[in-house]
Amino acid sequence: MDAEALRDENRRVAWLRWKGDLLRAVLYQDSSLDLSAARQLVSVFREEVAERFPGKEGTFDLILWPRFDRILRERWGEGLHSQLH
């Protein structure tokens, strides 16, 4: 991997961490958010990740989706089950 490709990968990973942390904070803290809107936010994030990391949707589904599902279950008693794909 050349230096420019490595920088690009590092930028994309930094964005993923930042955006994931931000989304987790919103899901936990935004008192005006309802379950439907929360599910939509997670779905939009998944689409954004798929655009930045083509072909890695399965990794998102295995690692990040369960984390967001757990947050929704903790807060609303329901998760993302009806939102996957």
Protein backbone atom coordinates (compact mmCIF):
# COMPACT_ATOMS: atom_id res chain seq x y z
CA MET A 1 0.00 0.00 0.00
CA ASP A 2 1.49 3.34 -0.99
CA ALA A 3 1.61 6.36 1.30
CA GLU A 4 -1.39 8.12 -0.25
CA ALA A 5 -3.56 5.01 -0.03
CA LEU A 6 -2.54 4.57 3.59
CA ARG A 7 -3.44 8.19 4.40
CA ASP A 8 -6.80 7.73 2.70
CA GLU A 9 -7.49 4.56 4.67
CA ASN A 10 -6.52 6.29 7.93
CA ARG A 11 -8.87 9.20 7.13
CA ARG A 12 -11.75 6.85 6.41
CA VAL A 13 -11.15 4.88 9.62
CA ALA A 14 -10.94 8.11 11.64
CA TRP A 15 -14.24 9.23 10.09
CA LEU A 16 -15.80 5.86 10.96
CA ARG A 17 -14.74 6.16 14.61
CA TRP A 18 -15.86 9.78 14.88
CA LYS A 19 -19.24 9.20 13.20
CA GLY A 20 -19.87 6.00 15.15
CA ASP A 21 -19.10 7.72 18.45
CA LEU A 22 -21.32 10.65 17.52
CA LEU A 23 -24.19 8.35 16.56
CA ARG A 24 -23.87 6.38 19.80
CA ALA A 25 -24.00 9.63 21.78
CA VAL A 26 -27.09 10.81 19.91
CA LEU A 27 -28.85 7.47 20.39
CA TYR A 28 -28.17 7.54 24.12
CA GLN A 29 -28.72 11.23 24.82
CA ASP A 30 -31.22 12.80 22.41
CA SER A 31 -34.45 12.81 24.43
CA SER A 32 -36.50 13.92 21.42
CA LEU A 33 -35.50 10.86 19.39
CA ASP A 34 -38.04 8.07 18.94
CA LEU A 35 -37.31 4.46 17.96
CA SER A 36 -38.22 4.93 14.31
CA ALA A 37 -35.91 7.93 13.93
CA ALA A 38 -33.13 6.10 15.77
CA ARG A 39 -33.44 3.14 13.41
CA GLN A 40 -33.30 5.52 10.46
CA LEU A 41 -30.13 7.16 11.76
CA VAL A 42 -28.43 3.76 12.04
CA SER A 43 -29.58 2.78 8.55
CA VAL A 44 -28.24 6.01 7.06
CA PHE A 45 -24.93 5.47 8.86
CA ARG A 46 -24.73 1.95 7.41
CA GLU A 47 -25.25 3.39 3.91
CA GLU A 48 -22.54 6.00 4.49
CA VAL A 49 -20.13 3.32 5.68
CA ALA A 50 -20.93 1.19 2.62
CA GLU A 51 -20.07 4.14 0.38
CA ARG A 52 -16.73 4.76 2.10
CA PHE A 53 -15.84 1.07 2.51
CA PRO A 54 -17.25 -0.73 -0.54
CA GLY A 55 -17.72 -4.45 -0.07
CA LYS A 56 -17.45 -4.25 3.73
CA GLU A 57 -21.16 -4.25 4.54
CA GLY A 58 -20.85 -7.68 6.11
CA THR A 59 -18.22 -6.38 8.50
CA PHE A 60 -20.55 -3.55 9.52
CA ASP A 61 -23.36 -6.04 10.09
CA LEU A 62 -21.16 -8.29 12.22
CA ILE A 63 -19.43 -5.64 14.33
CA LEU A 64 -21.31 -2.34 14.43
CA TRP A 65 -24.93 -3.37 13.85
CA PRO A 66 -25.12 -5.41 17.11
CA ARG A 67 -23.69 -2.47 19.08
CA PHE A 68 -26.35 -0.10 17.79
CA ASP A 69 -29.01 -2.78 18.25
CA ARG A 70 -27.99 -3.11 21.91
CA ILE A 71 -28.28 0.66 22.43
CA LEU A 72 -31.78 0.70 20.95
CA ARG A 73 -32.82 -2.29 23.07
CA GLU A 74 -31.47 -0.61 26.21
CA ARG A 75 -33.30 2.62 25.48
CA TRP A 76 -36.55 1.51 23.79
CA GLY A 77 -36.81 -2.22 24.48
CA GLU A 78 -36.65 -2.96 20.74
CA GLY A 79 -33.76 -3.12 18.37
CA LEU A 80 -32.96 -3.04 14.68
CA HIS A 81 -34.37 -6.45 13.76
CA SER A 82 -36.75 -5.12 11.11
CA GLN A 83 -34.20 -2.73 9.60
CA LEU A 84 -31.43 -5.03 8.38
CA HIS A 85 -31.15 -4.93 4.59
